[in-house]
Amino acid sequence: MTYGLTRLLRTEDDWSDLLCLLAELDPEPLRSALLLAPGRITVRREALVKASRGAPAGRADFIVLLDDIERTVMEVKLGAGAHGDQFAAYDAWADVKGIPVSARYLVGPNADPIPNEPSHWSRQLTVAGLLASWNRSPDDLARLLSVRALQQFTQLEAEATGPASQASIALSDALRLRRLASMTQATAPPGMIFEPKQRSEAGAANICAWRKTADGYVVAEVQRLNPRGPRGGTGTPFEIRIMVGIPGVTPEADGELADRHRSWLARRSFVRYAGSTVQAMVVAPEDDGFKTEKSRGKGHPRYYGYKGGGQGSSTVLRSTVDLNDMVIAFSAALQYLTTYPEQ
């Protein structure tokens, strides 16, 4: 069963599905966690919610009903942050249904802040705490599943803080990036903007932060690479990208801006600024970190990101870096953005 759960519980949605299954097997732990009165408990998973015609719509992870009346709305966030107007849609629907603010739960892996979380949603419940609620369930299957799943979740949490090369699945890295975003945003220089999403347009987990400049913007990003794969992958899970860009222009214009600041963008320049501690975390710290695209012949990587583009350099982190190492390196990158030469 442990192997099976390891294979099945690989995404945020998988863990939500498991919680839904546990509630169907034995609803009493859920009743206790949500402080619901006696009655028949049912759960709707990925429920479409919309307050009225023309209002924003969304799909809530859980709607919990008591005797067929909606009583609670729950959203589970493990690796991802809050995005778009999803909580505005949930709130509008919950207001119509008469669900009080106290019965709107944002469930994370722990009590750590979730990027762009709505401050009025309750953070009293965690995934680990909910799983543990079924550890003494009279239902044999629910009890066994919860015990084994909690063991697996504890392992994911450990992987999220340990060496990057030891992460077993992408969700471990997504949990790591969630914490990295929270920890670095708290100490970021003034004027730094963090992108609320944690997915690039290519689907890979990442963190993106930028600051405006006189000629566009400068970006620091942590991108999860593919350390595994049919051809061996990259061999290392993460890189930091430092880029420049101009909103709404062509790749060639971005490239011209990068050409003007090539020396500043180079990996070696950032590493020297960051010092010996970061240097020890970086693969080939004396290289420039540029990637050549044959189609354009430019010495800068083309990246299709949140702002539509940007060109710059890549700083590949060693596979042994842990969460604390990454906090040090990315915080240094955010500070480095403040040295951008605006001339």
C-alpha atoms as a PDB file:
ATOM      1  CA  MET A   1       0.000   0.000   0.000  1.00  0.00           C
ATOM      2  CA  THR A   2       2.835   2.394   0.787  1.00  0.00           C
ATOM      3  CA  TYR A   3       4.230   2.010  -2.729  1.00  0.00           C
ATOM      4  CA  GLY A   4       0.761   2.410  -4.224  1.00  0.00           C
ATOM      5  CA  LEU A   5       0.076   5.616  -2.300  1.00  0.00           C
ATOM      6  CA  THR A   6       3.475   6.973  -3.289  1.00  0.00           C
ATOM      7  CA  ARG A   7       2.522   6.441  -6.922  1.00  0.00           C
ATOM      8  CA  LEU A   8      -1.021   7.769  -6.548  1.00  0.00           C
ATOM      9  CA  LEU A   9      -0.451  10.820  -4.327  1.00  0.00           C
ATOM     10  CA  ARG A  10       1.701  12.844  -6.689  1.00  0.00           C
ATOM     11  CA  THR A  11      -0.215  16.094  -7.130  1.00  0.00           C
ATOM     12  CA  GLU A  12      -2.252  18.570  -5.108  1.00  0.00           C
ATOM     13  CA  ASP A  13      -5.449  17.179  -6.618  1.00  0.00           C
ATOM     14  CA  ASP A  14      -4.508  13.641  -5.583  1.00  0.00           C
ATOM     15  CA  TRP A  15      -4.354  14.632  -1.919  1.00  0.00           C
ATOM     16  CA  SER A  16      -7.700  16.403  -2.214  1.00  0.00           C
ATOM     17  CA  ASP A  17      -9.191  13.268  -3.763  1.00  0.00           C
ATOM     18  CA  LEU A  18      -7.891  11.225  -0.843  1.00  0.00           C
ATOM     19  CA  LEU A  19      -9.465  13.568   1.720  1.00  0.00           C
ATOM     20  CA  CYS A  20     -12.763  13.266  -0.152  1.00  0.00           C
ATOM     21  CA  LEU A  21     -12.523   9.454  -0.099  1.00  0.00           C
ATOM     22  CA  LEU A  22     -11.797   9.440   3.647  1.00  0.00           C
ATOM     23  CA  ALA A  23     -14.858  11.625   4.266  1.00  0.00           C
ATOM     24  CA  GLU A  24     -17.013   9.221   2.273  1.00  0.00           C
ATOM     25  CA  LEU A  25     -15.686   6.216   4.210  1.00  0.00           C
ATOM     26  CA  ASP A  26     -16.177   7.898   7.587  1.00  0.00           C
ATOM     27  CA  PRO A  27     -17.606  11.455   7.784  1.00  0.00           C
ATOM     28  CA  GLU A  28     -17.304  11.809  11.570  1.00  0.00           C
ATOM     29  CA  PRO A  29     -13.697  13.112  11.661  1.00  0.00           C
ATOM     30  CA  LEU A  30     -14.691  15.752   9.119  1.00  0.00           C
ATOM     31  CA  ARG A  31     -17.730  16.687  11.210  1.00  0.00           C
ATOM     32  CA  SER A  32     -15.471  17.137  14.226  1.00  0.00           C
ATOM     33  CA  ALA A  33     -12.884  19.190  12.332  1.00  0.00           C
ATOM     34  CA  LEU A  34     -15.548  21.504  10.891  1.00  0.00           C
ATOM     35  CA  LEU A  35     -17.646  21.685  14.090  1.00  0.00           C
ATOM     36  CA  LEU A  36     -20.780  20.560  12.265  1.00  0.00           C
ATOM     37  CA  ALA A  37     -24.026  19.600  14.000  1.00  0.00           C
ATOM     38  CA  PRO A  38     -25.427  16.051  13.824  1.00  0.00           C
ATOM     39  CA  GLY A  39     -26.859  15.123  10.443  1.00  0.00           C
ATOM     40  CA  ARG A  40     -25.927  13.506   7.140  1.00  0.00           C
ATOM     41  CA  ILE A  41     -22.619  14.778   5.740  1.00  0.00           C
ATOM     42  CA  THR A  42     -21.845  14.690   2.026  1.00  0.00           C
ATOM     43  CA  VAL A  43     -18.976  16.213   0.067  1.00  0.00           C
ATOM     44  CA  ARG A  44     -18.861  17.684  -3.423  1.00  0.00           C
ATOM     45  CA  ARG A  45     -15.446  17.599  -5.019  1.00  0.00           C
ATOM     46  CA  GLU A  46     -14.330  20.205  -7.612  1.00  0.00           C
ATOM     47  CA  ALA A  47     -17.737  21.834  -7.297  1.00  0.00           C
ATOM     48  CA  LEU A  48     -18.649  24.561  -9.788  1.00  0.00           C
ATOM     49  CA  VAL A  49     -19.664  27.667  -7.842  1.00  0.00           C
ATOM     50  CA  LYS A  50     -21.224  30.826  -9.267  1.00  0.00           C
ATOM     51  CA  ALA A  51     -23.175  33.440  -7.351  1.00  0.00           C
ATOM     52  CA  SER A  52     -25.344  34.627 -10.250  1.00  0.00           C
ATOM     53  CA  ARG A  53     -25.445  35.032 -13.998  1.00  0.00           C
ATOM     54  CA  GLY A  54     -22.538  37.172 -15.117  1.00  0.00           C
ATOM     55  CA  ALA A  55     -20.669  36.708 -11.827  1.00  0.00           C
ATOM     56  CA  PRO A  56     -17.200  35.082 -11.783  1.00  0.00           C
ATOM     57  CA  ALA A  57     -17.253  31.287 -11.513  1.00  0.00           C
ATOM     58  CA  GLY A  58     -14.802  28.862  -9.972  1.00  0.00           C
ATOM     59  CA  ARG A  59     -14.362  25.274  -8.902  1.00  0.00           C
ATOM     60  CA  ALA A  60     -13.988  24.832  -5.168  1.00  0.00           C
ATOM     61  CA  ASP A  61     -12.039  21.814  -3.968  1.00  0.00           C
ATOM     62  CA  PHE A  62     -14.703  20.848  -1.412  1.00  0.00           C
ATOM     63  CA  ILE A  63     -18.218  21.861  -0.612  1.00  0.00           C
ATOM     64  CA  VAL A  64     -19.406  20.140   2.561  1.00  0.00           C
ATOM     65  CA  LEU A  65     -23.147  19.678   2.969  1.00  0.00           C
ATOM     66  CA  LEU A  66     -25.132  18.857   6.083  1.00  0.00           C
ATOM     67  CA  ASP A  67     -28.504  17.282   5.278  1.00  0.00           C
ATOM     68  CA  ASP A  68     -28.083  18.503   1.672  1.00  0.00           C
ATOM     69  CA  ILE A  69     -27.472  22.143   2.693  1.00  0.00           C
ATOM     70  CA  GLU A  70     -24.109  23.753   1.923  1.00  0.00           C
ATOM     71  CA  ARG A  71     -22.328  24.528   5.178  1.00  0.00           C
ATOM     72  CA  THR A  72     -18.617  24.811   4.404  1.00  0.00           C
ATOM     73  CA  VAL A  73     -16.303  25.574   1.494  1.00  0.00           C
ATOM     74  CA  MET A  74     -12.701  24.339   1.543  1.00  0.00           C
ATOM     75  CA  GLU A  75      -9.797  25.026  -0.802  1.00  0.00           C
ATOM     76  CA  VAL A  76      -6.635  22.898  -0.572  1.00  0.00           C
ATOM     77  CA  LYS A  77      -3.327  24.537  -1.515  1.00  0.00           C
ATOM     78  CA  LEU A  78      -0.151  22.468  -1.345  1.00  0.00           C
ATOM     79  CA  GLY A  79       2.319  23.585  -3.987  1.00  0.00           C
ATOM     80  CA  ALA A  80       0.291  26.313  -5.697  1.00  0.00           C
ATOM     81  CA  GLY A  81      -0.566  29.793  -4.476  1.00  0.00           C
ATOM     82  CA  ALA A  82      -3.874  31.630  -4.708  1.00  0.00           C
ATOM     83  CA  HIS A  83      -4.442  32.933  -8.209  1.00  0.00           C
ATOM     84  CA  GLY A  84      -6.809  35.043 -10.262  1.00  0.00           C
ATOM     85  CA  ASP A  85     -10.197  35.842  -8.770  1.00  0.00           C
ATOM     86  CA  GLN A  86     -10.926  32.320  -7.546  1.00  0.00           C
ATOM     87  CA  PHE A  87     -11.558  33.369  -3.938  1.00  0.00           C
ATOM     88  CA  ALA A  88     -13.714  36.304  -5.038  1.00  0.00           C
ATOM     89  CA  ALA A  89     -15.914  33.782  -6.859  1.00  0.00           C
ATOM     90  CA  TYR A  90     -16.009  31.489  -3.822  1.00  0.00           C
ATOM     91  CA  ASP A  91     -16.870  34.374  -1.503  1.00  0.00           C
ATOM     92  CA  ALA A  92     -19.671  35.656  -3.716  1.00  0.00           C
ATOM     93  CA  TRP A  93     -21.187  32.170  -3.915  1.00  0.00           C
ATOM     94  CA  ALA A  94     -20.758  31.549  -0.163  1.00  0.00           C
ATOM     95  CA  ASP A  95     -22.449  34.865   0.628  1.00  0.00           C
ATOM     96  CA  VAL A  96     -25.473  33.837  -1.451  1.00  0.00           C
ATOM     97  CA  LYS A  97     -25.565  30.440   0.290  1.00  0.00           C
ATOM     98  CA  GLY A  98     -25.289  31.999   3.731  1.00  0.00           C
ATOM     99  CA  ILE A  99     -21.990  30.284   4.539  1.00  0.00           C
ATOM    100  CA  PRO A 100     -20.254  32.416   7.192  1.00  0.00           C
ATOM    101  CA  VAL A 101     -16.673  33.564   6.771  1.00  0.00           C
ATOM    102  CA  SER A 102     -15.689  31.327   9.688  1.00  0.00           C
ATOM    103  CA  ALA A 103     -16.734  28.288   7.625  1.00  0.00           C
ATOM    104  CA  ARG A 104     -14.452  29.110   4.664  1.00  0.00           C
ATOM    105  CA  TYR A 105     -11.219  27.164   4.997  1.00  0.00           C
ATOM    106  CA  LEU A 106      -7.945  27.510   3.125  1.00  0.00           C
ATOM    107  CA  VAL A 107      -6.091  24.260   3.850  1.00  0.00           C
ATOM    108  CA  GLY A 108      -2.318  24.224   3.416  1.00  0.00           C
ATOM    109  CA  PRO A 109       0.399  21.695   4.203  1.00  0.00           C
ATOM    110  CA  ASN A 110       1.052  23.547   7.462  1.00  0.00           C
ATOM    111  CA  ALA A 111       0.422  26.954   8.984  1.00  0.00           C
ATOM    112  CA  ASP A 112       2.999  28.718   6.769  1.00  0.00           C
ATOM    113  CA  PRO A 113       1.641  31.654   4.725  1.00  0.00           C
ATOM    114  CA  ILE A 114       0.293  30.826   1.264  1.00  0.00           C
ATOM    115  CA  PRO A 115       1.173  33.341  -1.472  1.00  0.00           C
ATOM    116  CA  ASN A 116      -1.678  35.834  -1.956  1.00  0.00           C
ATOM    117  CA  GLU A 117      -3.959  34.048   0.500  1.00  0.00           C
ATOM    118  CA  PRO A 118      -7.230  35.820   1.414  1.00  0.00           C
ATOM    119  CA  SER A 119      -6.780  37.073   4.962  1.00  0.00           C
ATOM    120  CA  HIS A 120     -10.379  36.372   5.993  1.00  0.00           C
ATOM    121  CA  TRP A 121     -10.322  32.656   5.190  1.00  0.00           C
ATOM    122  CA  SER A 122      -9.557  30.337   8.100  1.00  0.00           C
ATOM    123  CA  ARG A 123      -6.126  28.691   8.229  1.00  0.00           C
ATOM    124  CA  GLN A 124      -6.999  26.503  11.233  1.00  0.00           C
ATOM    125  CA  LEU A 125      -6.953  23.272   9.210  1.00  0.00           C
ATOM    126  CA  THR A 126      -3.924  21.658   7.570  1.00  0.00           C
ATOM    127  CA  VAL A 127      -3.627  18.641   5.305  1.00  0.00           C
ATOM    128  CA  ALA A 128      -1.592  16.793   7.921  1.00  0.00           C
ATOM    129  CA  GLY A 129      -4.088  17.633  10.659  1.00  0.00           C
ATOM    130  CA  LEU A 130      -7.024  16.465   8.569  1.00  0.00           C
ATOM    131  CA  LEU A 131      -5.283  13.205   7.652  1.00  0.00           C
ATOM    132  CA  ALA A 132      -4.562  12.531  11.314  1.00  0.00           C
ATOM    133  CA  SER A 133      -8.271  12.925  12.100  1.00  0.00           C
ATOM    134  CA  TRP A 134      -8.906   9.493  10.559  1.00  0.00           C
ATOM    135  CA  ASN A 135      -6.048   7.712  12.371  1.00  0.00           C
ATOM    136  CA  ARG A 136      -8.512   6.264  14.892  1.00  0.00           C
ATOM    137  CA  SER A 137     -11.466   5.854  12.569  1.00  0.00           C
ATOM    138  CA  PRO A 138     -13.634   2.754  13.162  1.00  0.00           C
ATOM    139  CA  ASP A 139     -13.584   2.236   9.402  1.00  0.00           C
ATOM    140  CA  ASP A 140     -10.627  -0.068   8.761  1.00  0.00           C
ATOM    141  CA  LEU A 141      -9.849   1.227   5.264  1.00  0.00           C
ATOM    142  CA  ALA A 142     -10.105   4.882   6.266  1.00  0.00           C
ATOM    143  CA  ARG A 143      -7.829   4.309   9.250  1.00  0.00           C
ATOM    144  CA  LEU A 144      -5.225   2.413   7.219  1.00  0.00           C
ATOM    145  CA  LEU A 145      -5.245   4.944   4.376  1.00  0.00           C
ATOM    146  CA  SER A 146      -4.878   7.903   6.715  1.00  0.00           C
ATOM    147  CA  VAL A 147      -1.982   6.379   8.650  1.00  0.00           C
ATOM    148  CA  ARG A 148      -0.038   5.462   5.513  1.00  0.00           C
ATOM    149  CA  ALA A 149      -0.864   8.729   3.760  1.00  0.00           C
ATOM    150  CA  LEU A 150       0.271  10.768   6.763  1.00  0.00           C
ATOM    151  CA  GLN A 151       3.586   8.918   6.687  1.00  0.00           C
ATOM    152  CA  GLN A 152       3.917   9.785   3.000  1.00  0.00           C
ATOM    153  CA  PHE A 153       3.014  13.422   3.632  1.00  0.00           C
ATOM    154  CA  THR A 154       5.609  13.679   6.385  1.00  0.00           C
ATOM    155  CA  GLN A 155       8.187  12.386   3.909  1.00  0.00           C
ATOM    156  CA  LEU A 156       7.155  15.018   1.357  1.00  0.00           C
ATOM    157  CA  GLU A 157       7.597  17.745   3.954  1.00  0.00           C
ATOM    158  CA  ALA A 158      11.074  16.443   4.754  1.00  0.00           C
ATOM    159  CA  GLU A 159      12.015  16.336   1.057  1.00  0.00           C
ATOM    160  CA  ALA A 160      10.835  19.921   0.644  1.00  0.00           C
ATOM    161  CA  THR A 161      13.477  21.213   3.061  1.00  0.00           C
ATOM    162  CA  GLY A 162      16.309  18.747   2.387  1.00  0.00           C
ATOM    163  CA  PRO A 163      18.737  18.378  -0.539  1.00  0.00           C
ATOM    164  CA  ALA A 164      17.028  19.106  -3.847  1.00  0.00           C
ATOM    165  CA  SER A 165      18.383  15.912  -5.408  1.00  0.00           C
ATOM    166  CA  GLN A 166      16.480  13.797  -2.848  1.00  0.00           C
ATOM    167  CA  ALA A 167      13.003  14.995  -3.838  1.00  0.00           C
ATOM    168  CA  SER A 168      11.049  11.996  -5.095  1.00  0.00           C
ATOM    169  CA  ILE A 169       8.278  13.805  -7.001  1.00  0.00           C
ATOM    170  CA  ALA A 170       7.526  17.266  -8.366  1.00  0.00           C
ATOM    171  CA  LEU A 171       5.145  18.000  -5.473  1.00  0.00           C
ATOM    172  CA  SER A 172       8.126  17.934  -3.088  1.00  0.00           C
ATOM    173  CA  ASP A 173       9.747  20.669  -5.143  1.00  0.00           C
ATOM    174  CA  ALA A 174       6.486  22.637  -5.306  1.00  0.00           C
ATOM    175  CA  LEU A 175       6.266  22.544  -1.501  1.00  0.00           C
ATOM    176  CA  ARG A 176       9.868  23.743  -1.370  1.00  0.00           C
ATOM    177  CA  LEU A 177       9.137  26.653  -3.684  1.00  0.00           C
ATOM    178  CA  ARG A 178       6.057  27.629  -1.664  1.00  0.00           C
ATOM    179  CA  ARG A 179       8.232  28.066   1.402  1.00  0.00           C
ATOM    180  CA  LEU A 180      10.997  29.699  -0.581  1.00  0.00           C
ATOM    181  CA  ALA A 181       8.540  32.292  -1.910  1.00  0.00           C
ATOM    182  CA  SER A 182       7.203  33.049   1.550  1.00  0.00           C
ATOM    183  CA  MET A 183      10.625  33.312   3.176  1.00  0.00           C
ATOM    184  CA  THR A 184      12.217  35.499   0.492  1.00  0.00           C
ATOM    185  CA  GLN A 185       9.202  37.754  -0.001  1.00  0.00           C
ATOM    186  CA  ALA A 186       9.256  38.629   3.690  1.00  0.00           C
ATOM    187  CA  THR A 187      12.743  40.151   3.390  1.00  0.00           C
ATOM    188  CA  ALA A 188      12.708  41.339  -0.248  1.00  0.00           C
ATOM    189  CA  PRO A 189      13.932  44.854  -1.076  1.00  0.00           C
ATOM    190  CA  PRO A 190      11.282  47.581  -1.401  1.00  0.00           C
ATOM    191  CA  GLY A 191       9.612  47.748  -4.797  1.00  0.00           C
ATOM    192  CA  MET A 192       9.918  44.002  -5.473  1.00  0.00           C
ATOM    193  CA  ILE A 193       6.790  42.447  -7.006  1.00  0.00           C
ATOM    194  CA  PHE A 194       6.146  38.735  -6.618  1.00  0.00           C
ATOM    195  CA  GLU A 195       4.058  36.913  -9.208  1.00  0.00           C
ATOM    196  CA  PRO A 196       1.145  35.223  -7.410  1.00  0.00           C
ATOM    197  CA  LYS A 197       1.189  32.112  -9.595  1.00  0.00           C
ATOM    198  CA  GLN A 198       3.745  29.381  -9.112  1.00  0.00           C
ATOM    199  CA  ARG A 199       3.590  27.952 -12.615  1.00  0.00           C
ATOM    200  CA  SER A 200       5.360  29.054 -15.742  1.00  0.00           C
ATOM    201  CA  GLU A 201       3.542  28.916 -19.044  1.00  0.00           C
ATOM    202  CA  ALA A 202       5.426  25.672 -19.670  1.00  0.00           C
ATOM    203  CA  GLY A 203       3.800  24.196 -16.551  1.00  0.00           C
ATOM    204  CA  ALA A 204       6.951  23.927 -14.437  1.00  0.00           C
ATOM    205  CA  ALA A 205       6.887  25.109 -10.832  1.00  0.00           C
ATOM    206  CA  ASN A 206       8.705  28.372 -10.302  1.00  0.00           C
ATOM    207  CA  ILE A 207       8.899  31.657  -8.400  1.00  0.00           C
ATOM    208  CA  CYS A 208       9.037  34.926 -10.285  1.00  0.00           C
ATOM    209  CA  ALA A 209       9.801  38.379  -8.852  1.00  0.00           C
ATOM    210  CA  TRP A 210      10.645  41.627 -10.600  1.00  0.00           C
ATOM    211  CA  ARG A 211      11.095  45.349 -10.174  1.00  0.00           C
ATOM    212  CA  LYS A 212      10.358  48.174 -12.577  1.00  0.00           C
ATOM    213  CA  THR A 213      13.177  50.099 -14.180  1.00  0.00           C
ATOM    214  CA  ALA A 214      13.440  53.197 -16.339  1.00  0.00           C
ATOM    215  CA  ASP A 215      13.635  51.054 -19.482  1.00  0.00           C
ATOM    216  CA  GLY A 216      11.415  48.078 -18.575  1.00  0.00           C
ATOM    217  CA  TYR A 217      11.828  45.591 -15.762  1.00  0.00           C
ATOM    218  CA  VAL A 218      14.380  43.213 -14.270  1.00  0.00           C
ATOM    219  CA  VAL A 219      13.401  39.724 -13.192  1.00  0.00           C
ATOM    220  CA  ALA A 220      14.755  37.104 -10.826  1.00  0.00           C
ATOM    221  CA  GLU A 221      13.197  33.696 -11.121  1.00  0.00           C
ATOM    222  CA  VAL A 222      13.673  30.243  -9.656  1.00  0.00           C
ATOM    223  CA  GLN A 223      12.683  27.625 -12.213  1.00  0.00           C
ATOM    224  CA  ARG A 224      12.282  23.942 -11.482  1.00  0.00           C
ATOM    225  CA  LEU A 225      14.112  21.963 -14.135  1.00  0.00           C
ATOM    226  CA  ASN A 226      13.670  18.301 -15.006  1.00  0.00           C
ATOM    227  CA  PRO A 227      16.434  16.449 -13.169  1.00  0.00           C
ATOM    228  CA  ARG A 228      15.088  13.118 -14.387  1.00  0.00           C
ATOM    229  CA  GLY A 229      13.939  11.959 -17.782  1.00  0.00           C
ATOM    230  CA  PRO A 230      14.512   9.513 -20.641  1.00  0.00           C
ATOM    231  CA  ARG A 231      17.875  11.091 -21.415  1.00  0.00           C
ATOM    232  CA  GLY A 232      18.927  11.639 -17.840  1.00  0.00           C
ATOM    233  CA  GLY A 233      17.332  15.057 -17.463  1.00  0.00           C
ATOM    234  CA  THR A 234      19.370  18.068 -16.391  1.00  0.00           C
ATOM    235  CA  GLY A 235      21.080  16.395 -13.448  1.00  0.00           C
ATOM    236  CA  THR A 236      20.115  19.288 -11.163  1.00  0.00           C
ATOM    237  CA  PRO A 237      16.624  20.391 -10.144  1.00  0.00           C
ATOM    238  CA  PHE A 238      16.756  24.216 -10.051  1.00  0.00           C
ATOM    239  CA  GLU A 239      18.194  27.295 -11.689  1.00  0.00           C
ATOM    240  CA  ILE A 240      17.933  31.015 -10.990  1.00  0.00           C
ATOM    241  CA  ARG A 241      17.310  33.202 -14.020  1.00  0.00           C
ATOM    242  CA  ILE A 242      18.131  36.903 -14.053  1.00  0.00           C
ATOM    243  CA  MET A 243      16.512  38.693 -16.963  1.00  0.00           C
ATOM    244  CA  VAL A 244      15.586  42.050 -18.436  1.00  0.00           C
ATOM    245  CA  GLY A 245      12.591  42.869 -20.580  1.00  0.00           C
ATOM    246  CA  ILE A 246      10.342  45.564 -21.976  1.00  0.00           C
ATOM    247  CA  PRO A 247       6.561  45.035 -21.809  1.00  0.00           C
ATOM    248  CA  GLY A 248       4.859  44.544 -25.142  1.00  0.00           C
ATOM    249  CA  VAL A 249       7.884  44.555 -27.426  1.00  0.00           C
ATOM    250  CA  THR A 250       9.437  42.008 -29.760  1.00  0.00           C
ATOM    251  CA  PRO A 251      12.038  39.456 -28.678  1.00  0.00           C
ATOM    252  CA  GLU A 252      14.567  41.400 -30.709  1.00  0.00           C
ATOM    253  CA  ALA A 253      13.936  44.535 -28.594  1.00  0.00           C
ATOM    254  CA  ASP A 254      14.344  42.502 -25.418  1.00  0.00           C
ATOM    255  CA  GLY A 255      17.567  41.146 -26.879  1.00  0.00           C
ATOM    256  CA  GLU A 256      18.883  44.631 -27.622  1.00  0.00           C
ATOM    257  CA  LEU A 257      18.232  45.637 -24.008  1.00  0.00           C
ATOM    258  CA  ALA A 258      20.017  42.494 -22.830  1.00  0.00           C
ATOM    259  CA  ASP A 259      22.931  43.252 -25.151  1.00  0.00           C
ATOM    260  CA  ARG A 260      23.374  46.656 -23.497  1.00  0.00           C
ATOM    261  CA  HIS A 261      23.544  45.027 -20.065  1.00  0.00           C
ATOM    262  CA  ARG A 262      25.306  41.811 -20.985  1.00  0.00           C
ATOM    263  CA  SER A 263      28.056  42.263 -18.424  1.00  0.00           C
ATOM    264  CA  TRP A 264      25.568  42.890 -15.596  1.00  0.00           C
ATOM    265  CA  LEU A 265      23.369  39.949 -16.635  1.00  0.00           C
ATOM    266  CA  ALA A 266      26.212  37.421 -16.754  1.00  0.00           C
ATOM    267  CA  ARG A 267      26.144  34.642 -14.189  1.00  0.00           C
ATOM    268  CA  ARG A 268      29.683  35.456 -13.040  1.00  0.00           C
ATOM    269  CA  SER A 269      28.665  39.036 -12.214  1.00  0.00           C
ATOM    270  CA  PHE A 270      25.811  37.917 -10.000  1.00  0.00           C
ATOM    271  CA  VAL A 271      27.909  35.241  -8.293  1.00  0.00           C
ATOM    272  CA  ARG A 272      30.721  37.640  -7.524  1.00  0.00           C
ATOM    273  CA  TYR A 273      28.220  40.077  -6.060  1.00  0.00           C
ATOM    274  CA  ALA A 274      26.595  37.336  -3.960  1.00  0.00           C
ATOM    275  CA  GLY A 275      29.892  36.129  -2.485  1.00  0.00           C
ATOM    276  CA  SER A 276      31.589  32.844  -1.707  1.00  0.00           C
ATOM    277  CA  THR A 277      28.623  31.211   0.048  1.00  0.00           C
ATOM    278  CA  VAL A 278      26.460  31.433  -3.069  1.00  0.00           C
ATOM    279  CA  GLN A 279      29.405  30.655  -5.328  1.00  0.00           C
ATOM    280  CA  ALA A 280      29.734  27.246  -3.659  1.00  0.00           C
ATOM    281  CA  MET A 281      26.104  26.479  -4.559  1.00  0.00           C
ATOM    282  CA  VAL A 282      26.464  27.240  -8.268  1.00  0.00           C
ATOM    283  CA  VAL A 283      27.540  25.044 -11.170  1.00  0.00           C
ATOM    284  CA  ALA A 284      30.348  26.707 -13.192  1.00  0.00           C
ATOM    285  CA  PRO A 285      30.194  30.040 -11.322  1.00  0.00           C
ATOM    286  CA  GLU A 286      32.738  31.717 -13.621  1.00  0.00           C
ATOM    287  CA  ASP A 287      30.726  31.123 -16.806  1.00  0.00           C
ATOM    288  CA  ASP A 288      28.427  33.810 -18.213  1.00  0.00           C
ATOM    289  CA  GLY A 289      25.324  31.599 -18.092  1.00  0.00           C
ATOM    290  CA  PHE A 290      23.992  32.637 -21.499  1.00  0.00           C
ATOM    291  CA  LYS A 291      22.278  30.171 -23.799  1.00  0.00           C
ATOM    292  CA  THR A 292      22.436  30.612 -27.548  1.00  0.00           C
ATOM    293  CA  GLU A 293      19.302  30.145 -29.625  1.00  0.00           C
ATOM    294  CA  LYS A 294      20.192  29.058 -33.134  1.00  0.00           C
ATOM    295  CA  SER A 295      17.052  30.619 -34.587  1.00  0.00           C
ATOM    296  CA  ARG A 296      18.025  34.103 -33.419  1.00  0.00           C
ATOM    297  CA  GLY A 297      21.738  33.717 -32.905  1.00  0.00           C
ATOM    298  CA  LYS A 298      21.587  35.782 -29.719  1.00  0.00           C
ATOM    299  CA  GLY A 299      23.612  34.994 -26.624  1.00  0.00           C
ATOM    300  CA  HIS A 300      20.621  35.192 -24.302  1.00  0.00           C
ATOM    301  CA  PRO A 301      17.962  32.634 -23.395  1.00  0.00           C
ATOM    302  CA  ARG A 302      14.478  33.382 -24.626  1.00  0.00           C
ATOM    303  CA  TYR A 303      11.970  32.753 -21.854  1.00  0.00           C
ATOM    304  CA  TYR A 304       8.202  32.861 -22.252  1.00  0.00           C
ATOM    305  CA  GLY A 305       7.109  33.880 -18.770  1.00  0.00           C
ATOM    306  CA  TYR A 306       4.517  35.871 -16.899  1.00  0.00           C
ATOM    307  CA  LYS A 307       5.290  39.171 -18.574  1.00  0.00           C
ATOM    308  CA  GLY A 308       5.493  37.681 -22.030  1.00  0.00           C
ATOM    309  CA  GLY A 309       9.249  37.390 -22.301  1.00  0.00           C
ATOM    310  CA  GLY A 310      12.657  38.513 -21.185  1.00  0.00           C
ATOM    311  CA  GLN A 311      16.268  37.635 -21.917  1.00  0.00           C
ATOM    312  CA  GLY A 312      19.138  37.025 -19.569  1.00  0.00           C
ATOM    313  CA  SER A 313      21.308  34.389 -17.935  1.00  0.00           C
ATOM    314  CA  SER A 314      20.896  31.132 -16.067  1.00  0.00           C
ATOM    315  CA  THR A 315      22.524  30.291 -12.732  1.00  0.00           C
ATOM    316  CA  VAL A 316      22.261  26.538 -12.250  1.00  0.00           C
ATOM    317  CA  LEU A 317      22.214  25.427  -8.617  1.00  0.00           C
ATOM    318  CA  ARG A 318      23.962  22.281  -7.468  1.00  0.00           C
ATOM    319  CA  SER A 319      21.777  19.253  -6.788  1.00  0.00           C
ATOM    320  CA  THR A 320      22.766  19.220  -3.103  1.00  0.00           C
ATOM    321  CA  VAL A 321      21.278  22.626  -2.216  1.00  0.00           C
ATOM    322  CA  ASP A 322      18.598  22.513   0.457  1.00  0.00           C
ATOM    323  CA  LEU A 323      15.822  24.981   1.279  1.00  0.00           C
ATOM    324  CA  ASN A 324      18.037  27.209   3.415  1.00  0.00           C
ATOM    325  CA  ASP A 325      20.649  27.332   0.643  1.00  0.00           C
ATOM    326  CA  MET A 326      18.011  28.365  -1.867  1.00  0.00           C
ATOM    327  CA  VAL A 327      16.724  31.108   0.436  1.00  0.00           C
ATOM    328  CA  ILE A 328      20.253  32.533   0.624  1.00  0.00           C
ATOM    329  CA  ALA A 329      20.795  32.323  -3.145  1.00  0.00           C
ATOM    330  CA  PHE A 330      17.437  33.735  -4.229  1.00  0.00           C
ATOM    331  CA  SER A 331      17.541  36.502  -1.620  1.00  0.00           C
ATOM    332  CA  ALA A 332      20.932  37.464  -3.043  1.00  0.00           C
ATOM    333  CA  ALA A 333      19.401  37.538  -6.545  1.00  0.00           C
ATOM    334  CA  LEU A 334      16.631  39.876  -5.350  1.00  0.00           C
ATOM    335  CA  GLN A 335      19.240  42.187  -3.835  1.00  0.00           C
ATOM    336  CA  TYR A 336      21.247  42.003  -7.058  1.00  0.00           C
ATOM    337  CA  LEU A 337      18.290  43.370  -9.008  1.00  0.00           C
ATOM    338  CA  THR A 338      18.618  46.624  -7.076  1.00  0.00           C
ATOM    339  CA  THR A 339      22.056  47.159  -8.658  1.00  0.00           C
ATOM    340  CA  TYR A 340      20.666  47.195 -12.216  1.00  0.00           C
ATOM    341  CA  PRO A 341      22.504  49.873 -14.218  1.00  0.00           C
ATOM    342  CA  GLU A 342      19.833  52.202 -15.572  1.00  0.00           C
ATOM    343  CA  GLN A 343      21.666  54.141 -18.238  1.00  0.00           C
END
